[in-house]
Amino acid sequence: MTRHLDLDRLSAFDVHVHVEADTQGRTSLDLELLDASAAYFRGEHPPTPTIHDVAAYYRERNIGAVVFTVDAETALGHPAPRSEEIAEAAADYADILVPFGSVDPLTGEAAVRRARRLVEDHGVRGFKFHPSLQGFRPNDRTYYPLYQTLQEMGVPALFHTGQTGIGAGLPGGRGIKLGLSDPMLLDDVAADFPGLVVILAHSSIPWHDSAISMATHKANVYLDLSGWSPKYFPPQLVRTANSVLRNKVLFGSDFPMVTPDRWLRDFAALDIKPEVRPLILKDNTARVLGLAS
């Protein structure tokens, strides 16, 4: 039976969900990094869900999910689950999952070609990047052909920004550089590619003031609220989400490290206007991803 996404049936849409293992047991990170990340988040869920695990979890809760991995093979020397496999499996769960792809920017023209194939041949609806983990400075013009391709295809780019739990507590953070995820590096990208939707993940905390400024200034910049329980949101983030950015912020959990159960429970206690809640929880994401009719 062919399944279709029915937005009216969904209670929310989570724009930030990791697929951390494939069906052959290959994980997105090596064991040392997985252990460090799990210790940092003190997660409630096993840290390496497959796409089948994710689909079952989100279908049970009637929540839509954008799913992806991060291809950082050049920087880490560790292959991630393949985005092609994730996209093909997501097609079997099209009532609940929207696949994003991931390409390794350090592979140059190969990344551009693969991004195009992922959209045209595999139905990918956007791309996830993690500059700190993938080891690239996102405003380096070396990567502009990749952004140009995404802009031409009309698919958004979701960037990890701000703090990361990956490598946390390890000597030198295992060489992972936080400065590569400063959101101001993406201000250049958003300015130079005005037709490219740029989503700043995790509200760029602790650089949230910069992220708020960018989302206020540029029509193509959005914030996702993943990676932090809402009870830890900075006051200025709550204030602007309730007002000038009410149409620019998106619900994201960071599953499996932060579950939607925990996030939604804490969001319910947050001082958010009743008319703004559905925008954050579902409507803004549906519009940004082109899912709304």
Protein backbone atom coordinates (compact mmCIF):
# COMPACT_ATOMS: atom_id res chain seq x y z
CA MET A 1 0.00 0.00 0.00
CA THR A 2 1.35 3.41 -0.98
CA ARG A 3 1.50 5.79 1.95
CA HIS A 4 1.24 9.55 1.72
CA LEU A 5 2.04 12.33 4.17
CA ASP A 6 -1.15 13.68 5.73
CA LEU A 7 -0.23 16.87 7.57
CA ASP A 8 -3.67 17.24 9.12
CA ARG A 9 -3.22 13.90 10.87
CA LEU A 10 0.16 14.78 12.37
CA SER A 11 0.36 16.50 15.74
CA ALA A 12 3.82 17.98 15.03
CA PHE A 13 6.76 17.81 12.64
CA ASP A 14 10.30 17.26 13.92
CA VAL A 15 12.83 18.79 11.53
CA HIS A 16 15.93 17.31 13.19
CA VAL A 17 16.12 13.51 13.50
CA HIS A 18 19.29 11.45 13.17
CA VAL A 19 19.54 8.02 11.60
CA GLU A 20 22.67 6.77 13.33
CA ALA A 21 22.99 3.22 11.96
CA ASP A 22 22.22 1.30 8.79
CA THR A 23 20.80 -2.20 8.51
CA GLN A 24 24.32 -3.67 8.34
CA GLY A 25 25.20 -2.16 11.71
CA ARG A 26 27.42 0.62 10.33
CA THR A 27 27.17 3.67 12.59
CA SER A 28 27.55 7.34 11.77
CA LEU A 29 30.32 7.83 14.36
CA ASP A 30 33.04 5.62 15.76
CA LEU A 31 32.63 4.15 19.23
CA GLU A 32 34.68 6.81 21.03
CA LEU A 33 32.60 9.64 19.57
CA LEU A 34 29.32 7.80 20.17
CA ASP A 35 30.24 7.25 23.82
CA ALA A 36 31.27 10.90 24.28
CA SER A 37 28.05 12.14 22.71
CA ALA A 38 25.88 9.82 24.79
CA ALA A 39 27.64 10.94 27.98
CA TYR A 40 27.17 14.60 27.06
CA PHE A 41 23.45 14.26 26.41
CA ARG A 42 22.70 11.51 28.95
CA GLY A 43 20.21 10.31 26.36
CA GLU A 44 16.95 8.52 27.05
CA HIS A 45 17.11 6.39 23.89
CA PRO A 46 19.68 3.96 22.40
CA PRO A 47 22.18 6.11 20.48
CA THR A 48 22.19 4.23 17.15
CA PRO A 49 18.65 3.93 15.74
CA THR A 50 18.12 2.68 12.20
CA ILE A 51 15.56 4.33 9.97
CA HIS A 52 13.15 1.50 10.79
CA ASP A 53 13.52 2.27 14.50
CA VAL A 54 12.92 5.96 13.81
CA ALA A 55 9.83 5.30 11.71
CA ALA A 56 8.26 3.06 14.35
CA TYR A 57 9.00 5.58 17.11
CA TYR A 58 7.55 8.58 15.26
CA ARG A 59 4.58 6.72 13.81
CA GLU A 60 3.58 5.63 17.32
CA ARG A 61 3.57 9.30 18.36
CA ASN A 62 1.92 10.59 15.18
CA ILE A 63 4.78 13.03 14.59
CA GLY A 64 6.39 13.66 11.21
CA ALA A 65 10.18 13.60 11.00
CA VAL A 66 12.95 14.88 8.74
CA VAL A 67 15.60 12.14 8.82
CA PHE A 68 19.28 12.25 7.88
CA THR A 69 22.80 11.19 8.67
CA VAL A 70 26.03 13.20 8.40
CA ASP A 71 28.66 12.15 5.86
CA ALA A 72 31.97 13.20 7.41
CA GLU A 73 34.09 10.37 6.04
CA THR A 74 37.00 12.55 4.89
CA ALA A 75 37.33 14.38 8.21
CA LEU A 76 36.67 11.39 10.48
CA GLY A 77 37.97 8.50 8.39
CA HIS A 78 34.72 6.72 9.22
CA PRO A 79 31.95 6.04 6.65
CA ALA A 80 28.41 7.04 7.61
CA PRO A 81 25.20 5.24 6.65
CA ARG A 82 24.45 6.04 3.03
CA SER A 83 21.90 8.74 2.30
CA GLU A 84 20.73 6.70 -0.70
CA GLU A 85 19.71 3.86 1.61
CA ILE A 86 18.01 6.25 4.03
CA ALA A 87 16.01 7.87 1.22
CA GLU A 88 14.94 4.55 -0.27
CA ALA A 89 13.84 3.22 3.12
CA ALA A 90 12.05 6.48 3.92
CA ALA A 91 9.86 5.92 0.86
CA ASP A 92 8.32 2.97 2.71
CA TYR A 93 7.38 5.33 5.55
CA ALA A 94 6.26 8.28 3.44
CA ASP A 95 3.33 8.91 5.78
CA ILE A 96 5.72 9.94 8.55
CA LEU A 97 9.27 10.53 7.20
CA VAL A 98 10.86 13.12 4.90
CA PRO A 99 14.44 12.24 3.87
CA PHE A 100 17.30 14.73 3.79
CA GLY A 101 20.63 13.82 2.24
CA SER A 102 24.19 14.37 3.35
CA VAL A 103 27.24 14.78 1.15
CA ASP A 104 30.84 15.30 2.18
CA PRO A 105 31.80 18.86 1.09
CA LEU A 106 35.48 17.95 1.13
CA THR A 107 34.94 15.68 -1.89
CA GLY A 108 34.43 18.72 -4.14
CA GLU A 109 32.74 18.15 -7.48
CA ALA A 110 31.80 14.62 -6.43
CA ALA A 111 29.67 16.11 -3.64
CA VAL A 112 27.89 18.34 -6.17
CA ARG A 113 27.13 15.42 -8.49
CA ARG A 114 25.96 13.23 -5.63
CA ALA A 115 23.70 15.95 -4.24
CA ARG A 116 21.98 16.24 -7.61
CA ARG A 117 21.53 12.47 -7.85
CA LEU A 118 20.11 12.29 -4.33
CA VAL A 119 17.40 14.78 -5.25
CA GLU A 120 16.65 13.63 -8.78
CA ASP A 121 16.97 9.86 -8.33
CA HIS A 122 16.23 9.28 -4.65
CA GLY A 123 13.67 11.91 -3.70
CA VAL A 124 15.75 13.73 -1.08
CA ARG A 125 14.01 16.95 0.06
CA GLY A 126 16.97 18.83 1.62
CA PHE A 127 20.51 18.44 2.95
CA LYS A 128 22.17 18.32 6.36
CA PHE A 129 25.65 19.76 6.96
CA HIS A 130 27.80 19.73 10.10
CA PRO A 131 30.77 22.09 9.50
CA SER A 132 32.57 21.18 12.74
CA LEU A 133 32.26 17.43 12.19
CA GLN A 134 32.84 17.57 8.44
CA GLY A 135 35.80 19.89 8.87
CA PHE A 136 34.92 22.71 6.48
CA ARG A 137 34.46 26.46 6.72
CA PRO A 138 31.03 26.95 5.16
CA ASN A 139 31.64 30.43 3.74
CA ASP A 140 34.73 29.29 1.83
CA ARG A 141 33.91 29.88 -1.83
CA THR A 142 35.23 26.40 -2.57
CA TYR A 143 31.81 25.11 -1.54
CA TYR A 144 29.75 27.64 -3.49
CA PRO A 145 29.12 25.27 -6.44
CA LEU A 146 27.41 22.92 -3.98
CA TYR A 147 25.18 25.68 -2.62
CA GLN A 148 24.43 26.84 -6.16
CA THR A 149 23.24 23.34 -7.02
CA LEU A 150 20.98 23.17 -3.96
CA GLN A 151 19.57 26.59 -4.79
CA GLU A 152 18.86 25.51 -8.37
CA MET A 153 17.10 22.37 -7.17
CA GLY A 154 15.05 24.32 -4.62
CA VAL A 155 15.98 22.25 -1.58
CA PRO A 156 16.92 23.68 1.86
CA ALA A 157 20.25 23.32 3.63
CA LEU A 158 20.15 22.52 7.35
CA PHE A 159 23.43 23.40 9.08
CA HIS A 160 24.57 22.36 12.51
CA THR A 161 25.47 25.58 14.34
CA GLY A 162 26.71 26.32 17.84
CA GLN A 163 27.84 23.83 20.45
CA THR A 164 28.18 20.13 19.66
CA GLY A 165 28.15 17.17 22.01
CA ILE A 166 30.21 15.15 19.54
CA GLY A 167 33.73 14.93 20.93
CA ALA A 168 32.70 16.63 24.18
CA GLY A 169 34.99 15.79 27.09
CA LEU A 170 37.69 14.25 24.90
CA PRO A 171 41.21 15.70 24.64
CA GLY A 172 41.00 18.58 22.19
CA GLY A 173 37.41 17.57 21.55
CA ARG A 174 38.92 14.94 19.20
CA GLY A 175 40.01 17.79 16.95
CA ILE A 176 36.45 18.98 16.27
CA LYS A 177 36.47 22.78 15.98
CA LEU A 178 33.45 24.66 17.30
CA GLY A 179 34.34 27.84 15.41
CA LEU A 180 33.42 26.21 12.10
CA SER A 181 29.82 26.17 13.34
CA ASP A 182 29.64 29.88 14.14
CA PRO A 183 26.40 30.97 12.43
CA MET A 184 27.96 34.20 11.15
CA LEU A 185 29.95 32.10 8.66
CA LEU A 186 26.58 31.24 7.12
CA ASP A 187 25.52 34.87 6.85
CA ASP A 188 27.76 35.07 3.78
CA VAL A 189 26.10 31.97 2.33
CA ALA A 190 22.58 33.26 2.94
CA ALA A 191 23.48 36.63 1.40
CA ASP A 192 25.18 35.15 -1.66
CA PHE A 193 22.44 32.56 -2.27
CA PRO A 194 19.17 34.37 -1.54
CA GLY A 195 17.15 31.57 -3.13
CA LEU A 196 18.61 28.96 -0.78
CA VAL A 197 16.72 28.28 2.45
CA VAL A 198 19.32 28.10 5.25
CA ILE A 199 18.22 26.51 8.52
CA LEU A 200 20.43 27.15 11.55
CA ALA A 201 20.14 24.09 13.76
CA HIS A 202 20.09 24.28 17.55
CA SER A 203 19.37 28.04 17.36
CA SER A 204 23.19 28.38 17.25
CA ILE A 205 23.44 28.36 21.06
CA PRO A 206 25.69 29.85 22.50
CA TRP A 207 25.76 32.22 19.47
CA HIS A 208 21.97 32.58 19.53
CA ASP A 209 22.02 36.39 19.33
CA SER A 210 23.80 36.13 15.98
CA ALA A 211 21.29 33.55 14.77
CA ILE A 212 18.35 35.72 15.84
CA SER A 213 19.89 38.65 14.01
CA MET A 214 20.37 36.62 10.84
CA ALA A 215 16.85 35.20 10.87
CA THR A 216 15.45 38.67 11.44
CA HIS A 217 17.55 40.19 8.66
CA LYS A 218 17.34 37.56 5.93
CA ALA A 219 14.11 36.10 4.59
CA ASN A 220 15.81 32.82 3.68
CA VAL A 221 17.22 32.08 7.16
CA TYR A 222 15.33 29.98 9.71
CA LEU A 223 16.13 28.53 13.14
CA ASP A 224 15.49 25.02 14.37
CA LEU A 225 15.06 24.57 18.11
CA SER A 226 16.71 21.16 18.44
CA GLY A 227 19.45 19.95 20.74
CA TRP A 228 18.23 21.69 23.88
CA SER A 229 15.28 21.18 26.17
CA PRO A 230 13.00 24.23 25.84
CA LYS A 231 13.43 24.89 29.55
CA TYR A 232 17.03 25.90 28.77
CA PHE A 233 16.17 28.28 25.90
CA PRO A 234 17.69 31.76 26.35
CA PRO A 235 15.03 34.40 27.17
CA GLN A 236 15.69 36.37 23.99
CA LEU A 237 15.05 33.24 21.90
CA VAL A 238 11.67 32.69 23.58
CA ARG A 239 10.80 36.37 23.21
CA THR A 240 11.56 36.56 19.49
CA ALA A 241 9.97 33.17 18.77
CA ASN A 242 6.81 34.60 20.30
CA SER A 243 6.94 37.73 18.15
CA VAL A 244 9.09 38.76 15.17
CA LEU A 245 10.35 35.23 14.44
CA ARG A 246 7.08 33.38 14.95
CA ASN A 247 7.17 32.29 11.30
CA LYS A 248 10.91 31.52 11.28
CA VAL A 249 11.40 28.94 14.06
CA LEU A 250 10.94 25.19 13.65
CA PHE A 251 10.42 22.35 16.09
CA GLY A 252 13.37 19.97 16.15
CA SER A 253 14.36 17.49 18.84
CA ASP A 254 17.82 16.06 17.93
CA PHE A 255 16.60 12.49 18.33
CA PRO A 256 17.95 10.14 19.61
CA MET A 257 19.96 12.34 22.00
CA VAL A 258 16.99 14.57 22.81
CA THR A 259 13.66 12.82 22.36
CA PRO A 260 10.50 14.53 21.14
CA ASP A 261 8.77 13.25 24.28
CA ARG A 262 11.10 15.27 26.48
CA TRP A 263 11.18 18.29 24.14
CA LEU A 264 7.41 18.53 23.78
CA ARG A 265 6.84 18.06 27.50
CA ASP A 266 9.14 20.98 28.30
CA PHE A 267 7.79 23.08 25.42
CA ALA A 268 4.29 22.73 26.86
CA ALA A 269 5.51 24.52 29.99
CA LEU A 270 7.13 27.35 28.04
CA ASP A 271 5.47 30.76 27.85
CA ILE A 272 4.52 30.61 24.17
CA LYS A 273 1.37 32.28 22.84
CA PRO A 274 -1.39 29.81 21.87
CA GLU A 275 -1.48 31.08 18.30
CA VAL A 276 2.29 30.65 17.94
CA ARG A 277 2.50 27.04 19.15
CA PRO A 278 1.11 25.40 15.98
CA LEU A 279 3.42 27.54 13.84
CA ILE A 280 6.49 26.25 15.66
CA LEU A 281 5.31 22.67 16.04
CA LYS A 282 4.25 22.02 12.45
CA ASP A 283 3.08 24.84 10.19
CA ASN A 284 6.43 26.61 9.67
CA THR A 285 8.19 23.36 8.80
CA ALA A 286 5.45 22.33 6.38
CA ARG A 287 5.78 25.66 4.59
CA VAL A 288 9.60 25.66 4.49
CA LEU A 289 9.71 22.10 3.12
CA GLY A 290 6.96 22.76 0.59
CA LEU A 291 4.67 20.18 2.20
CA ALA A 292 1.73 22.49 2.77
CA SER A 293 -0.91 22.64 0.05
